[in-house]
Amino acid sequence: MTKREKDIIIQIKESLKEKIISWEERTANRHYFTIKKGDIVAVARYLFEKGKARFITASGIDTPRGIEILYHFSFDHHGGKVVTVKTLVPKDKCEIESITPYITGAVFIEREIQDLLGVRFLNHPDPRPLLAAESWPKDWYPLRCDFRDTQFTDNTKQEK
């Protein structure tokens, strides 16, 4: 790891220390840190604007504690380091502020997470469904652990 590569990680840790709940270095080029959901806009803007990171994508995982959203950023000018920001969105109030007004590259992935996991992105400029048809039943989120497509299950039973 060169001094320059290390500096970006140190810079992030120092600049965001009040917002970082935990930090994990899985490899020299993969870093994960956890924040509160209310800090996502400030953290994403810092990485994108001040840190000059490239927004790669976001992903979501249904966990027993809630929907975990992971925002992935690459520091191409720092040896290709990838920093992932993790935050937890409770299922009983499944909403988080959108980063799309500041990082337009997030527009489609936030809509996809909305359709598949049921996360509402507040202040998203285009919250229409991206993948789900207009006839898709309300509150059906196929990537949630509790999702069961009874129509699919019934069809597979008939094939036997």
N, C-alpha and C. Protein backbone atom coordinates (compact mmCIF):
# COMPACT_ATOMS: atom_id res chain seq x y z
N MET A 1 0.85 -1.17 0.00
CA MET A 1 0.00 0.00 0.00
C MET A 1 0.90 1.24 0.00
N THR A 2 0.70 2.11 -0.97
CA THR A 2 1.50 3.33 -1.04
C THR A 2 0.97 4.35 -0.04
N LYS A 3 1.78 5.35 0.23
CA LYS A 3 1.36 6.41 1.16
C LYS A 3 0.10 7.10 0.66
N ARG A 4 0.01 7.31 -0.65
CA ARG A 4 -1.15 7.99 -1.23
C ARG A 4 -2.43 7.16 -1.03
N GLU A 5 -2.32 5.82 -1.24
CA GLU A 5 -3.49 4.95 -1.05
C GLU A 5 -3.94 4.96 0.40
N LYS A 6 -3.00 4.92 1.30
CA LYS A 6 -3.33 4.92 2.72
C LYS A 6 -3.97 6.24 3.13
N ASP A 7 -3.49 7.32 2.54
CA ASP A 7 -3.99 8.63 2.92
C ASP A 7 -5.49 8.79 2.72
N ILE A 8 -6.07 8.24 1.67
CA ILE A 8 -7.51 8.40 1.44
C ILE A 8 -8.31 7.71 2.54
N ILE A 9 -7.86 6.56 2.99
CA ILE A 9 -8.54 5.84 4.06
C ILE A 9 -8.42 6.62 5.37
N ILE A 10 -7.23 7.11 5.66
CA ILE A 10 -7.02 7.93 6.87
C ILE A 10 -7.88 9.18 6.79
N GLN A 11 -7.91 9.80 5.63
CA GLN A 11 -8.70 11.02 5.44
C GLN A 11 -10.19 10.75 5.70
N ILE A 12 -10.71 9.64 5.18
CA ILE A 12 -12.12 9.29 5.40
C ILE A 12 -12.38 9.07 6.89
N LYS A 13 -11.52 8.29 7.52
CA LYS A 13 -11.70 8.00 8.95
C LYS A 13 -11.67 9.26 9.80
N GLU A 14 -10.75 10.17 9.48
CA GLU A 14 -10.65 11.40 10.26
C GLU A 14 -11.82 12.33 9.99
N SER A 15 -12.20 12.46 8.73
CA SER A 15 -13.26 13.41 8.37
C SER A 15 -14.64 12.95 8.81
N LEU A 16 -14.85 11.65 8.82
CA LEU A 16 -16.18 11.11 9.14
C LEU A 16 -16.25 10.42 10.50
N LYS A 17 -15.23 10.62 11.33
CA LYS A 17 -15.14 9.87 12.59
C LYS A 17 -16.38 9.99 13.46
N GLU A 18 -17.06 11.11 13.43
CA GLU A 18 -18.27 11.30 14.24
C GLU A 18 -19.45 10.48 13.70
N LYS A 19 -19.37 10.08 12.45
CA LYS A 19 -20.49 9.37 11.81
C LYS A 19 -20.24 7.86 11.70
N ILE A 20 -19.02 7.43 11.85
CA ILE A 20 -18.67 6.02 11.69
C ILE A 20 -18.95 5.24 12.97
N ILE A 21 -19.82 4.25 12.86
CA ILE A 21 -20.14 3.38 14.00
C ILE A 21 -19.09 2.27 14.11
N SER A 22 -18.74 1.67 12.97
CA SER A 22 -17.71 0.63 12.95
C SER A 22 -17.01 0.64 11.60
N TRP A 23 -15.79 0.08 11.58
CA TRP A 23 -14.96 0.05 10.39
C TRP A 23 -14.37 -1.35 10.25
N GLU A 24 -14.32 -1.83 9.02
CA GLU A 24 -13.74 -3.16 8.76
C GLU A 24 -12.91 -3.10 7.49
N GLU A 25 -11.68 -3.57 7.58
CA GLU A 25 -10.80 -3.69 6.41
C GLU A 25 -10.71 -5.17 6.07
N ARG A 26 -11.42 -5.58 5.03
CA ARG A 26 -11.44 -7.01 4.67
C ARG A 26 -10.20 -7.40 3.89
N THR A 27 -9.75 -6.53 2.99
CA THR A 27 -8.48 -6.69 2.29
C THR A 27 -7.88 -5.29 2.17
N ALA A 28 -6.70 -5.21 1.60
CA ALA A 28 -6.05 -3.90 1.46
C ALA A 28 -6.88 -2.95 0.60
N ASN A 29 -7.69 -3.50 -0.30
CA ASN A 29 -8.48 -2.66 -1.21
C ASN A 29 -9.98 -2.66 -0.92
N ARG A 30 -10.44 -3.34 0.13
CA ARG A 30 -11.88 -3.39 0.44
C ARG A 30 -12.10 -2.97 1.88
N HIS A 31 -12.79 -1.86 2.03
CA HIS A 31 -13.09 -1.31 3.34
C HIS A 31 -14.60 -1.13 3.48
N TYR A 32 -15.12 -1.45 4.64
CA TYR A 32 -16.55 -1.32 4.95
C TYR A 32 -16.69 -0.50 6.22
N PHE A 33 -17.64 0.41 6.21
CA PHE A 33 -17.94 1.07 7.47
C PHE A 33 -19.44 1.29 7.59
N THR A 34 -19.89 1.29 8.83
CA THR A 34 -21.31 1.38 9.15
C THR A 34 -21.62 2.76 9.70
N ILE A 35 -22.77 3.30 9.27
CA ILE A 35 -23.23 4.60 9.74
C ILE A 35 -24.72 4.50 10.08
N LYS A 36 -25.24 5.51 10.75
CA LYS A 36 -26.68 5.61 10.97
C LYS A 36 -27.33 6.03 9.67
N LYS A 37 -28.56 5.60 9.44
CA LYS A 37 -29.23 5.91 8.18
C LYS A 37 -29.40 7.41 7.96
N GLY A 38 -29.54 8.18 9.02
CA GLY A 38 -29.70 9.62 8.90
C GLY A 38 -28.46 10.34 8.40
N ASP A 39 -27.33 9.65 8.38
CA ASP A 39 -26.07 10.26 7.94
C ASP A 39 -25.73 9.95 6.48
N ILE A 40 -26.57 9.19 5.79
CA ILE A 40 -26.19 8.72 4.46
C ILE A 40 -25.92 9.84 3.46
N VAL A 41 -26.73 10.87 3.45
CA VAL A 41 -26.52 11.94 2.47
C VAL A 41 -25.19 12.65 2.73
N ALA A 42 -24.92 13.01 3.96
CA ALA A 42 -23.68 13.71 4.28
C ALA A 42 -22.46 12.84 3.95
N VAL A 43 -22.52 11.56 4.29
CA VAL A 43 -21.39 10.67 4.04
C VAL A 43 -21.20 10.45 2.54
N ALA A 44 -22.28 10.17 1.83
CA ALA A 44 -22.17 9.94 0.38
C ALA A 44 -21.65 11.19 -0.33
N ARG A 45 -22.15 12.34 0.06
CA ARG A 45 -21.68 13.60 -0.55
C ARG A 45 -20.20 13.82 -0.26
N TYR A 46 -19.78 13.52 0.96
CA TYR A 46 -18.37 13.69 1.29
C TYR A 46 -17.50 12.79 0.40
N LEU A 47 -17.85 11.51 0.31
CA LEU A 47 -17.05 10.58 -0.49
C LEU A 47 -17.02 10.99 -1.96
N PHE A 48 -18.17 11.40 -2.47
CA PHE A 48 -18.31 11.73 -3.90
C PHE A 48 -17.71 13.10 -4.23
N GLU A 49 -18.00 14.09 -3.44
CA GLU A 49 -17.57 15.45 -3.75
C GLU A 49 -16.16 15.77 -3.24
N LYS A 50 -15.93 15.52 -1.98
CA LYS A 50 -14.61 15.86 -1.39
C LYS A 50 -13.58 14.76 -1.66
N GLY A 51 -14.01 13.50 -1.52
CA GLY A 51 -13.09 12.39 -1.72
C GLY A 51 -12.88 12.02 -3.18
N LYS A 52 -13.69 12.59 -4.07
CA LYS A 52 -13.61 12.32 -5.51
C LYS A 52 -13.79 10.84 -5.84
N ALA A 53 -14.59 10.17 -5.04
CA ALA A 53 -14.88 8.75 -5.28
C ALA A 53 -15.89 8.63 -6.41
N ARG A 54 -15.86 7.50 -7.07
CA ARG A 54 -16.85 7.17 -8.10
C ARG A 54 -17.91 6.29 -7.44
N PHE A 55 -19.18 6.67 -7.59
CA PHE A 55 -20.26 5.82 -7.07
C PHE A 55 -20.38 4.62 -7.99
N ILE A 56 -20.25 3.42 -7.44
CA ILE A 56 -20.34 2.21 -8.24
C ILE A 56 -21.79 1.76 -8.32
N THR A 57 -22.36 1.44 -7.17
CA THR A 57 -23.74 0.98 -7.09
C THR A 57 -24.15 0.91 -5.63
N ALA A 58 -25.36 0.49 -5.40
CA ALA A 58 -25.84 0.20 -4.05
C ALA A 58 -26.50 -1.17 -4.10
N SER A 59 -26.54 -1.83 -2.98
CA SER A 59 -27.20 -3.12 -2.91
C SER A 59 -27.96 -3.19 -1.59
N GLY A 60 -28.90 -4.10 -1.52
CA GLY A 60 -29.69 -4.25 -0.32
C GLY A 60 -29.81 -5.70 0.08
N ILE A 61 -29.88 -5.92 1.39
CA ILE A 61 -29.98 -7.27 1.93
C ILE A 61 -31.04 -7.27 3.03
N ASP A 62 -31.95 -8.22 2.97
CA ASP A 62 -32.93 -8.39 4.03
C ASP A 62 -32.26 -9.18 5.16
N THR A 63 -32.16 -8.57 6.32
CA THR A 63 -31.55 -9.22 7.48
C THR A 63 -32.59 -9.30 8.59
N PRO A 64 -32.37 -10.10 9.62
CA PRO A 64 -33.32 -10.15 10.74
C PRO A 64 -33.51 -8.81 11.44
N ARG A 65 -32.52 -7.92 11.35
CA ARG A 65 -32.60 -6.62 12.02
C ARG A 65 -33.21 -5.54 11.15
N GLY A 66 -33.35 -5.77 9.85
CA GLY A 66 -33.89 -4.76 8.93
C GLY A 66 -33.26 -4.91 7.56
N ILE A 67 -33.50 -3.93 6.71
CA ILE A 67 -32.91 -3.94 5.38
C ILE A 67 -31.57 -3.20 5.46
N GLU A 68 -30.51 -3.92 5.15
CA GLU A 68 -29.19 -3.31 5.14
C GLU A 68 -28.92 -2.81 3.72
N ILE A 69 -28.58 -1.54 3.60
CA ILE A 69 -28.23 -0.98 2.30
C ILE A 69 -26.74 -0.71 2.30
N LEU A 70 -26.09 -1.14 1.23
CA LEU A 70 -24.65 -0.97 1.08
C LEU A 70 -24.40 -0.09 -0.14
N TYR A 71 -23.72 1.03 0.08
CA TYR A 71 -23.37 1.96 -0.99
C TYR A 71 -21.89 1.77 -1.29
N HIS A 72 -21.57 1.43 -2.53
CA HIS A 72 -20.20 1.10 -2.93
C HIS A 72 -19.56 2.25 -3.71
N PHE A 73 -18.38 2.67 -3.26
CA PHE A 73 -17.64 3.76 -3.89
C PHE A 73 -16.23 3.28 -4.22
N SER A 74 -15.72 3.73 -5.37
CA SER A 74 -14.37 3.37 -5.78
C SER A 74 -13.49 4.61 -5.83
N PHE A 75 -12.31 4.46 -5.31
CA PHE A 75 -11.31 5.52 -5.37
C PHE A 75 -10.30 5.11 -6.43
N ASP A 76 -10.66 5.36 -7.68
CA ASP A 76 -9.85 4.94 -8.83
C ASP A 76 -8.46 5.55 -8.81
N HIS A 77 -8.34 6.77 -8.33
CA HIS A 77 -7.05 7.47 -8.29
C HIS A 77 -6.23 7.10 -7.06
N HIS A 78 -6.72 6.16 -6.30
CA HIS A 78 -6.02 5.70 -5.10
C HIS A 78 -5.88 4.18 -5.14
N GLY A 79 -5.48 3.67 -6.26
CA GLY A 79 -5.24 2.23 -6.39
C GLY A 79 -6.49 1.39 -6.51
N GLY A 80 -7.61 1.99 -6.82
CA GLY A 80 -8.84 1.24 -7.00
C GLY A 80 -9.46 0.75 -5.71
N LYS A 81 -9.18 1.41 -4.62
CA LYS A 81 -9.80 1.02 -3.34
C LYS A 81 -11.31 1.13 -3.46
N VAL A 82 -12.01 0.18 -2.87
CA VAL A 82 -13.47 0.22 -2.83
C VAL A 82 -13.88 0.36 -1.37
N VAL A 83 -14.69 1.38 -1.12
CA VAL A 83 -15.20 1.64 0.22
C VAL A 83 -16.71 1.46 0.17
N THR A 84 -17.22 0.64 1.07
CA THR A 84 -18.65 0.37 1.15
C THR A 84 -19.20 0.96 2.43
N VAL A 85 -20.24 1.75 2.27
CA VAL A 85 -20.92 2.37 3.41
C VAL A 85 -22.18 1.55 3.68
N LYS A 86 -22.30 1.04 4.90
CA LYS A 86 -23.44 0.22 5.28
C LYS A 86 -24.34 0.98 6.24
N THR A 87 -25.65 0.80 6.04
CA THR A 87 -26.60 1.39 6.97
C THR A 87 -27.82 0.48 7.06
N LEU A 88 -28.51 0.54 8.18
CA LEU A 88 -29.65 -0.33 8.42
C LEU A 88 -30.93 0.48 8.41
N VAL A 89 -31.91 -0.01 7.67
CA VAL A 89 -33.23 0.63 7.59
C VAL A 89 -34.23 -0.33 8.24
N PRO A 90 -34.88 0.09 9.32
CA PRO A 90 -35.84 -0.80 9.97
C PRO A 90 -37.04 -1.09 9.07
N LYS A 91 -37.55 -2.30 9.12
CA LYS A 91 -38.68 -2.67 8.25
C LYS A 91 -39.97 -1.96 8.65
N ASP A 92 -40.11 -1.60 9.93
CA ASP A 92 -41.34 -0.95 10.35
C ASP A 92 -41.42 0.52 9.90
N LYS A 93 -40.30 1.10 9.54
CA LYS A 93 -40.26 2.44 8.96
C LYS A 93 -39.20 2.39 7.86
N CYS A 94 -39.56 1.71 6.79
CA CYS A 94 -38.61 1.35 5.74
C CYS A 94 -38.39 2.50 4.76
N GLU A 95 -37.67 3.51 5.25
CA GLU A 95 -37.38 4.66 4.41
C GLU A 95 -36.04 5.26 4.79
N ILE A 96 -35.42 5.87 3.80
CA ILE A 96 -34.12 6.51 3.97
C ILE A 96 -34.04 7.66 2.97
N GLU A 97 -33.26 8.64 3.28
CA GLU A 97 -33.09 9.77 2.37
C GLU A 97 -32.37 9.31 1.10
N SER A 98 -32.80 9.78 -0.04
CA SER A 98 -32.19 9.45 -1.32
C SER A 98 -30.88 10.22 -1.51
N ILE A 99 -29.89 9.56 -2.10
CA ILE A 99 -28.65 10.25 -2.46
C ILE A 99 -28.72 10.74 -3.91
N THR A 100 -29.77 10.38 -4.63
CA THR A 100 -29.89 10.75 -6.03
C THR A 100 -29.84 12.26 -6.29
N PRO A 101 -30.43 13.12 -5.45
CA PRO A 101 -30.31 14.55 -5.73
C PRO A 101 -28.86 15.05 -5.79
N TYR A 102 -27.93 14.30 -5.21
CA TYR A 102 -26.52 14.70 -5.17
C TYR A 102 -25.64 13.81 -6.04
N ILE A 103 -26.07 12.57 -6.23
CA ILE A 103 -25.33 11.62 -7.06
C ILE A 103 -26.33 11.01 -8.03
N THR A 104 -26.44 11.59 -9.21
CA THR A 104 -27.48 11.18 -10.15
C THR A 104 -27.33 9.73 -10.60
N GLY A 105 -26.15 9.17 -10.47
CA GLY A 105 -25.93 7.77 -10.84
C GLY A 105 -26.69 6.79 -9.96
N ALA A 106 -27.27 7.26 -8.87
CA ALA A 106 -28.01 6.38 -7.96
C ALA A 106 -29.48 6.26 -8.33
N VAL A 107 -29.93 6.99 -9.33
CA VAL A 107 -31.36 7.07 -9.65
C VAL A 107 -31.99 5.69 -9.89
N PHE A 108 -31.38 4.87 -10.71
CA PHE A 108 -32.00 3.58 -11.05
C PHE A 108 -31.83 2.54 -9.95
N ILE A 109 -30.68 2.51 -9.28
CA ILE A 109 -30.47 1.48 -8.26
C ILE A 109 -31.35 1.73 -7.05
N GLU A 110 -31.62 2.98 -6.71
CA GLU A 110 -32.54 3.24 -5.60
C GLU A 110 -33.95 2.80 -5.98
N ARG A 111 -34.35 3.01 -7.22
CA ARG A 111 -35.67 2.56 -7.66
C ARG A 111 -35.74 1.02 -7.66
N GLU A 112 -34.66 0.37 -8.03
CA GLU A 112 -34.63 -1.10 -8.02
C GLU A 112 -34.74 -1.63 -6.59
N ILE A 113 -34.00 -1.05 -5.66
CA ILE A 113 -34.07 -1.46 -4.26
C ILE A 113 -35.48 -1.23 -3.72
N GLN A 114 -36.09 -0.14 -4.14
CA GLN A 114 -37.48 0.15 -3.74
C GLN A 114 -38.41 -0.97 -4.21
N ASP A 115 -38.29 -1.37 -5.46
CA ASP A 115 -39.17 -2.41 -6.02
C ASP A 115 -38.93 -3.78 -5.39
N LEU A 116 -37.68 -4.12 -5.15
CA LEU A 116 -37.35 -5.48 -4.72
C LEU A 116 -37.32 -5.68 -3.22
N LEU A 117 -37.05 -4.61 -2.46
CA LEU A 117 -36.95 -4.73 -1.01
C LEU A 117 -37.92 -3.84 -0.24
N GLY A 118 -38.61 -2.93 -0.94
CA GLY A 118 -39.61 -2.10 -0.28
C GLY A 118 -39.07 -0.91 0.49
N VAL A 119 -37.86 -0.47 0.16
CA VAL A 119 -37.29 0.70 0.82
C VAL A 119 -37.77 1.95 0.08
N ARG A 120 -38.33 2.87 0.82
CA ARG A 120 -38.78 4.14 0.23
C ARG A 120 -37.64 5.14 0.34
N PHE A 121 -37.24 5.73 -0.79
CA PHE A 121 -36.16 6.71 -0.81
C PHE A 121 -36.78 8.10 -0.82
N LEU A 122 -36.67 8.78 0.30
CA LEU A 122 -37.27 10.10 0.47
C LEU A 122 -36.57 11.12 -0.44
N ASN A 123 -37.36 11.98 -1.05
CA ASN A 123 -36.87 13.04 -1.93
C ASN A 123 -36.20 12.52 -3.20
N HIS A 124 -36.53 11.29 -3.58
CA HIS A 124 -36.05 10.76 -4.86
C HIS A 124 -36.77 11.51 -5.97
N PRO A 125 -36.07 11.99 -6.99
CA PRO A 125 -36.72 12.79 -8.03
C PRO A 125 -37.66 12.00 -8.95
N ASP A 126 -37.56 10.68 -8.96
CA ASP A 126 -38.41 9.87 -9.84
C ASP A 126 -38.72 8.54 -9.15
N PRO A 127 -39.65 8.53 -8.19
CA PRO A 127 -39.89 7.32 -7.40
C PRO A 127 -40.78 6.27 -8.06
N ARG A 128 -41.05 6.41 -9.35
CA ARG A 128 -41.87 5.40 -10.03
C ARG A 128 -41.20 4.02 -9.94
N PRO A 129 -41.99 2.96 -9.98
CA PRO A 129 -41.38 1.63 -10.03
C PRO A 129 -40.49 1.48 -11.26
N LEU A 130 -39.41 0.77 -11.09
CA LEU A 130 -38.48 0.55 -12.19
C LEU A 130 -38.68 -0.83 -12.80
N LEU A 131 -38.83 -1.84 -11.97
CA LEU A 131 -38.93 -3.22 -12.43
C LEU A 131 -40.35 -3.78 -12.33
N ALA A 132 -41.07 -3.33 -11.34
CA ALA A 132 -42.40 -3.88 -11.08
C ALA A 132 -43.43 -3.30 -12.05
N ALA A 133 -44.28 -4.15 -12.55
CA ALA A 133 -45.37 -3.72 -13.43
C ALA A 133 -46.40 -2.94 -12.60
N GLU A 134 -47.19 -2.14 -13.28
CA GLU A 134 -48.22 -1.38 -12.56
C GLU A 134 -49.20 -2.30 -11.84
N SER A 135 -49.37 -3.50 -12.35
CA SER A 135 -50.30 -4.46 -11.74
C SER A 135 -49.66 -5.25 -10.58
N TRP A 136 -48.39 -5.02 -10.31
CA TRP A 136 -47.69 -5.74 -9.24
C TRP A 136 -48.37 -5.44 -7.91
N PRO A 137 -48.68 -6.45 -7.12
CA PRO A 137 -49.38 -6.23 -5.84
C PRO A 137 -48.58 -5.36 -4.87
N LYS A 138 -49.28 -4.49 -4.18
CA LYS A 138 -48.66 -3.62 -3.18
C LYS A 138 -48.06 -4.49 -2.07
N ASP A 139 -46.92 -4.08 -1.56
CA ASP A 139 -46.22 -4.76 -0.46
C ASP A 139 -45.70 -6.15 -0.82
N TRP A 140 -45.48 -6.42 -2.09
CA TRP A 140 -44.81 -7.65 -2.52
C TRP A 140 -43.39 -7.28 -2.89
N TYR A 141 -42.44 -7.71 -2.10
CA TYR A 141 -41.04 -7.38 -2.33
C TYR A 141 -40.26 -8.68 -2.45
N PRO A 142 -39.95 -9.09 -3.67
CA PRO A 142 -39.41 -10.43 -3.93
C PRO A 142 -38.04 -10.74 -3.32
N LEU A 143 -37.28 -9.75 -2.90
CA LEU A 143 -35.99 -10.05 -2.28
C LEU A 143 -36.05 -10.05 -0.76
N ARG A 144 -37.24 -9.90 -0.21
CA ARG A 144 -37.39 -10.02 1.25
C ARG A 144 -37.53 -11.49 1.61
N CYS A 145 -36.98 -11.85 2.74
CA CYS A 145 -37.02 -13.24 3.18
C CYS A 145 -38.44 -13.76 3.38
N ASP A 146 -39.36 -12.88 3.75
CA ASP A 146 -40.73 -13.33 4.01
C ASP A 146 -41.59 -13.36 2.75
N PHE A 147 -41.02 -13.05 1.60
CA PHE A 147 -41.79 -13.04 0.35
C PHE A 147 -42.05 -14.48 -0.10
N ARG A 148 -43.28 -14.74 -0.44
CA ARG A 148 -43.66 -16.03 -1.01
C ARG A 148 -44.60 -15.76 -2.17
N ASP A 149 -44.22 -16.19 -3.33
CA ASP A 149 -45.09 -16.05 -4.50
C ASP A 149 -45.96 -17.30 -4.54
N THR A 150 -47.16 -17.20 -4.02
CA THR A 150 -48.03 -18.37 -3.92
C THR A 150 -48.42 -18.89 -5.30
N GLN A 151 -48.53 -18.01 -6.26
CA GLN A 151 -48.85 -18.46 -7.62
C GLN A 151 -47.74 -19.36 -8.16
N PHE A 152 -46.48 -18.96 -7.93
CA PHE A 152 -45.36 -19.77 -8.39
C PHE A 152 -45.33 -21.10 -7.64
N THR A 153 -45.54 -21.05 -6.34
CA THR A 153 -45.53 -22.27 -5.54
C THR A 153 -46.63 -23.23 -6.01
N ASP A 154 -47.84 -22.71 -6.27
CA ASP A 154 -48.92 -23.56 -6.74
C ASP A 154 -48.61 -24.18 -8.10
N ASN A 155 -48.00 -23.41 -8.99
CA ASN A 155 -47.64 -23.94 -10.32
C ASN A 155 -46.62 -25.05 -10.22
N THR A 156 -45.68 -24.95 -9.32
CA THR A 156 -44.67 -26.00 -9.23
C THR A 156 -45.27 -27.27 -8.66
N LYS A 157 -46.26 -27.16 -7.77
CA LYS A 157 -46.91 -28.35 -7.21
C LYS A 157 -47.69 -29.07 -8.30
N GLN A 158 -48.32 -28.33 -9.22
CA GLN A 158 -49.11 -28.95 -10.27
C GLN A 158 -48.24 -29.72 -11.27
N GLU A 159 -46.96 -29.31 -11.40
CA GLU A 159 -46.07 -29.96 -12.36
C GLU A 159 -45.65 -31.34 -11.89
N LYS A 160 -45.75 -31.63 -10.62
CA LYS A 160 -45.26 -32.90 -10.07
C LYS A 160 -46.16 -34.04 -10.38
